[in-house]
């Protein structure tokens, strides 16, 4: 195996491990898809969109760094800073969504009131879901959630891609730089979609209680935990 083949194989392997070992790459989409009752096809489309933004942002920064002749340490520092921003953004989004999910669960709770009209006493059940509106609920089913996730993943770096970029750049092989970028990107996005599909189908097969009144709160908590894992455990 020559150096080119070894580098491409390494890029594919690192992309796969980088994705599988980072639960934010797939659990976020699985949780949101189940909470918002997205079809698997829609969940995978959102995953693909966010995955593409996740990879292309690092590709763009890496390309700019190569053109400007930036050192590897400088590039890694930039990606580390981006990673911190992404972790805080995911944590903040998860906590806000968790709070909204709890509020929604409270509004959706059905309860009864007793009324007396002279000698007639009766009660009726209702909830307060229609009393308030929120940006997450629209008449046509549109949602800002996918775009919020896209921005978060656009901020999120592929730290492992930068060192892989630098070797072929040092050899002045633009073709190999492009090849590494394409292989890394395709494997990353494909692995994200595969993991989302497997976890989504697994939840359905095991009939885990992830839907219902507290589904949105559970999804928000899952996203927040992923943000904590990135920020404090370095996953």
Protein backbone atom coordinates (compact mmCIF):
# COMPACT_ATOMS: atom_id res chain seq x y z
CA UNK A 1 0.00 0.00 0.00
CA UNK A 2 1.49 3.35 -1.04
CA UNK A 3 1.32 6.59 0.93
CA UNK A 4 -1.71 7.91 -0.97
CA UNK A 5 -3.78 4.80 -0.31
CA UNK A 6 -2.71 4.76 3.32
CA UNK A 7 -3.71 8.40 3.81
CA UNK A 8 -7.12 7.90 2.19
CA UNK A 9 -7.77 4.78 4.27
CA UNK A 10 -6.70 6.64 7.40
CA UNK A 11 -9.08 9.51 6.57
CA UNK A 12 -11.97 7.07 6.17
CA UNK A 13 -11.17 5.24 9.42
CA UNK A 14 -10.77 8.42 11.45
CA UNK A 15 -13.98 9.87 10.00
CA UNK A 16 -15.87 6.73 11.02
CA UNK A 17 -14.44 6.63 14.56
CA UNK A 18 -14.80 10.41 14.98
CA UNK A 19 -18.52 10.08 14.23
CA UNK A 20 -19.34 6.90 16.16
CA UNK A 21 -17.50 8.08 19.29
CA UNK A 22 -19.29 11.44 19.26
CA UNK A 23 -22.92 10.83 20.37
CA UNK A 24 -23.84 14.37 19.37
CA UNK A 25 -23.42 13.29 15.74
CA UNK A 26 -26.51 11.09 15.88
CA UNK A 27 -28.35 11.01 19.24
CA UNK A 28 -29.34 14.66 18.80
CA UNK A 29 -31.15 13.88 15.56
CA UNK A 30 -32.72 10.68 16.85
CA UNK A 31 -34.10 12.45 19.93
CA UNK A 32 -35.41 15.43 17.98
CA UNK A 33 -36.88 13.27 15.25
CA UNK A 34 -38.84 11.18 17.75
CA UNK A 35 -39.99 14.19 19.79
CA UNK A 36 -41.16 16.15 16.75
CA UNK A 37 -42.65 13.04 15.13
CA UNK A 38 -40.53 13.38 12.00
CA UNK A 39 -40.54 10.50 9.57
CA UNK A 40 -37.26 8.61 9.32
CA UNK A 41 -36.75 10.09 5.86
CA UNK A 42 -37.07 13.64 7.19
CA UNK A 43 -34.81 12.89 10.15
CA UNK A 44 -32.16 11.59 7.76
CA UNK A 45 -32.49 14.67 5.53
CA UNK A 46 -31.91 16.95 8.52
CA UNK A 47 -28.96 14.78 9.56
CA UNK A 48 -27.45 14.98 6.07
CA UNK A 49 -27.87 18.77 5.94
CA UNK A 50 -26.24 19.28 9.35
CA UNK A 51 -23.51 16.75 8.60
CA UNK A 52 -22.63 18.49 5.35
CA UNK A 53 -22.40 21.84 7.12
CA UNK A 54 -20.31 20.26 9.88
CA UNK A 55 -17.73 18.93 7.41
CA UNK A 56 -17.72 21.77 4.89
CA UNK A 57 -17.04 24.42 7.55
CA UNK A 58 -13.84 22.60 8.55
CA UNK A 59 -12.93 22.05 4.90
CA UNK A 60 -13.31 25.78 4.24
CA UNK A 61 -11.17 26.75 7.25
CA UNK A 62 -8.57 24.14 6.33
CA UNK A 63 -8.42 25.37 2.73
CA UNK A 64 -8.03 28.98 3.84
CA UNK A 65 -5.29 27.95 6.25
CA UNK A 66 -3.42 26.09 3.50
CA UNK A 67 -3.64 29.04 1.12
CA UNK A 68 -2.41 31.44 3.80
CA UNK A 69 0.33 29.06 4.91
CA UNK A 70 -0.97 28.79 8.47
CA UNK A 71 0.80 26.45 10.87
CA UNK A 72 -0.89 23.30 12.16
CA UNK A 73 -0.92 24.58 15.74
CA UNK A 74 -2.81 27.71 14.68
CA UNK A 75 -5.38 25.68 12.75
CA UNK A 76 -5.92 23.32 15.66
CA UNK A 77 -6.39 26.29 18.01
CA UNK A 78 -9.09 27.71 15.73
CA UNK A 79 -10.90 24.38 15.59
CA UNK A 80 -10.69 24.02 19.38
CA UNK A 81 -12.29 27.45 19.83
CA UNK A 82 -15.04 26.54 17.39
CA UNK A 83 -15.60 23.32 19.29
CA UNK A 84 -16.12 25.21 22.53
CA UNK A 85 -18.64 27.54 20.89
CA UNK A 86 -20.50 24.56 19.41
CA UNK A 87 -20.63 22.81 22.80
CA UNK A 88 -22.04 25.91 24.53
CA UNK A 89 -24.55 26.46 21.72
CA UNK A 90 -25.75 22.85 21.91
CA UNK A 91 -26.00 23.03 25.70
CA UNK A 92 -27.97 26.30 25.55
CA UNK A 93 -30.30 25.00 22.84
CA UNK A 94 -30.89 21.77 24.76
CA UNK A 95 -31.69 23.56 28.00
CA UNK A 96 -34.09 25.98 26.28
CA UNK A 97 -35.79 23.12 24.47
CA UNK A 98 -35.98 21.15 27.71
CA UNK A 99 -37.68 24.08 29.48
CA UNK A 100 -40.09 24.53 26.58
CA UNK A 101 -40.82 20.79 26.62
CA UNK A 102 -41.72 20.90 30.30
CA UNK A 103 -43.98 23.89 29.69
CA UNK A 104 -45.62 22.14 26.77
CA UNK A 105 -46.14 19.02 28.88
CA UNK A 106 -47.86 21.13 31.52
CA UNK A 107 -50.14 22.79 28.97
CA UNK A 108 -51.01 19.44 27.47
CA UNK A 109 -52.09 17.95 30.79
CA UNK A 110 -55.84 17.36 30.77
CA UNK A 111 -57.77 18.21 33.89
CA UNK A 112 -61.38 18.85 34.86
CA UNK A 113 -63.35 21.77 36.25
CA UNK A 114 -66.62 21.53 38.12
CA UNK A 115 -69.36 24.04 37.27
CA UNK A 116 -72.67 24.63 39.01
CA UNK A 117 -75.65 26.17 37.22
CA UNK A 118 -78.39 26.39 39.77
CA UNK A 119 -79.26 22.81 40.66
CA UNK A 120 -77.18 21.39 37.82
CA UNK A 121 -73.58 20.43 38.60
CA UNK A 122 -71.24 19.15 35.87
CA UNK A 123 -67.57 18.97 35.02
CA UNK A 124 -65.54 18.99 31.82
CA UNK A 125 -61.99 18.17 30.81
CA UNK A 126 -59.64 20.42 28.85
CA UNK A 127 -56.00 21.39 28.47
CA UNK A 128 -54.22 24.71 27.90
CA UNK A 129 -52.32 23.76 24.77
CA UNK A 130 -54.19 26.31 22.64
CA UNK A 131 -53.71 29.14 25.14
CA UNK A 132 -50.20 29.92 23.93
CA UNK A 133 -48.26 29.67 20.72
CA UNK A 134 -44.57 29.05 20.24
CA UNK A 135 -42.07 29.31 17.42
CA UNK A 136 -41.78 25.51 17.39
CA UNK A 137 -45.49 25.04 16.59
CA UNK A 138 -46.84 26.37 13.31
CA UNK A 139 -49.94 25.63 11.32
CA UNK A 140 -48.12 24.24 8.33
CA UNK A 141 -45.74 22.06 10.34
CA UNK A 142 -42.69 24.24 9.62
CA UNK A 143 -40.08 24.43 12.35
CA UNK A 144 -36.95 26.36 13.18
CA UNK A 145 -35.47 23.32 14.93
CA UNK A 146 -33.61 21.92 11.86
CA UNK A 147 -32.04 25.32 11.18
CA UNK A 148 -31.00 25.72 14.81
CA UNK A 149 -29.30 22.33 14.62
CA UNK A 150 -27.68 23.30 11.32
CA UNK A 151 -26.12 26.43 12.84
CA UNK A 152 -24.84 24.43 15.82
CA UNK A 153 -23.24 21.82 13.57
CA UNK A 154 -21.86 24.50 11.28
CA UNK A 155 -19.98 25.82 14.30
CA UNK A 156 -18.85 22.33 15.28
CA UNK A 157 -15.39 21.42 13.94
CA UNK A 158 -14.00 18.19 12.52
CA UNK A 159 -10.75 18.46 14.47
CA UNK A 160 -9.30 15.29 12.97
CA UNK A 161 -9.60 16.64 9.43
CA UNK A 162 -7.05 19.44 9.79
CA UNK A 163 -3.96 17.24 10.42
CA UNK A 164 -5.07 14.98 7.56
CA UNK A 165 -5.19 18.07 5.34
CA UNK A 166 -1.73 19.30 6.23
CA UNK A 167 0.32 16.32 5.03
CA UNK A 168 -0.82 16.34 1.37
CA UNK A 169 -0.70 20.15 1.46
CA UNK A 170 2.94 19.95 2.52
CA UNK A 171 3.54 17.60 -0.44
CA UNK A 172 1.86 20.23 -2.66
CA UNK A 173 -0.71 17.73 -3.91
CA UNK A 174 -4.01 19.56 -4.35
CA UNK A 175 -5.62 16.40 -5.76
CA UNK A 176 -4.82 14.47 -2.60
CA UNK A 177 -6.08 17.32 -0.41
CA UNK A 178 -9.39 17.21 -2.30
CA UNK A 179 -9.51 13.42 -2.11
CA UNK A 180 -8.99 13.43 1.65
CA UNK A 181 -11.72 16.04 2.07
CA UNK A 182 -14.23 14.10 -0.05
CA UNK A 183 -13.51 10.75 1.61
CA UNK A 184 -13.64 12.22 5.11
CA UNK A 185 -16.87 14.09 4.35
CA UNK A 186 -18.68 11.19 2.69
CA UNK A 187 -17.75 8.73 5.44
CA UNK A 188 -18.70 11.19 8.19
CA UNK A 189 -22.12 12.05 6.78
CA UNK A 190 -22.86 8.44 5.81
CA UNK A 191 -21.94 7.20 9.29
CA UNK A 192 -24.10 9.90 10.91
CA UNK A 193 -27.10 8.84 8.82
CA UNK A 194 -26.50 5.14 9.48
CA UNK A 195 -26.26 5.71 13.25
CA UNK A 196 -29.43 7.84 13.23
CA UNK A 197 -31.30 5.18 11.28
CA UNK A 198 -30.10 2.39 13.58
CA UNK A 199 -30.91 4.24 16.82
CA UNK A 200 -34.30 5.38 15.52
CA UNK A 201 -35.29 1.90 14.37
CA UNK A 202 -33.89 0.43 17.58
CA UNK A 203 -36.07 2.69 19.71
CA UNK A 204 -39.12 1.71 17.67
CA UNK A 205 -38.28 -2.00 17.88
CA UNK A 206 -37.69 -1.90 21.64
CA UNK A 207 -40.72 0.37 22.12
CA UNK A 208 -38.85 2.65 24.47
CA UNK A 209 -41.00 5.38 26.11
CA UNK A 210 -39.57 8.36 24.24
CA UNK A 211 -42.86 9.72 22.95
CA UNK A 212 -45.82 11.18 24.75
CA UNK A 213 -46.27 14.07 27.10
CA UNK A 214 -42.59 14.55 28.02
CA UNK A 215 -41.07 13.70 24.64
CA UNK A 216 -39.84 17.26 23.99
CA UNK A 217 -38.37 17.60 27.47
CA UNK A 218 -36.52 14.29 27.03
CA UNK A 219 -35.21 15.44 23.64
CA UNK A 220 -34.00 18.74 25.10
CA UNK A 221 -32.28 16.95 27.96
CA UNK A 222 -30.57 14.61 25.47
CA UNK A 223 -29.24 17.53 23.44
CA UNK A 224 -28.04 19.32 26.59
CA UNK A 225 -26.23 16.18 27.77
CA UNK A 226 -24.51 15.93 24.38
CA UNK A 227 -23.37 19.54 24.76
CA UNK A 228 -21.99 18.74 28.21
CA UNK A 229 -20.22 15.66 26.86
CA UNK A 230 -18.53 17.75 24.16
CA UNK A 231 -17.61 20.64 26.44
CA UNK A 232 -16.39 18.76 29.50
CA UNK A 233 -15.54 15.23 28.33
CA UNK A 234 -14.12 16.16 24.95
CA UNK A 235 -16.28 13.67 23.02
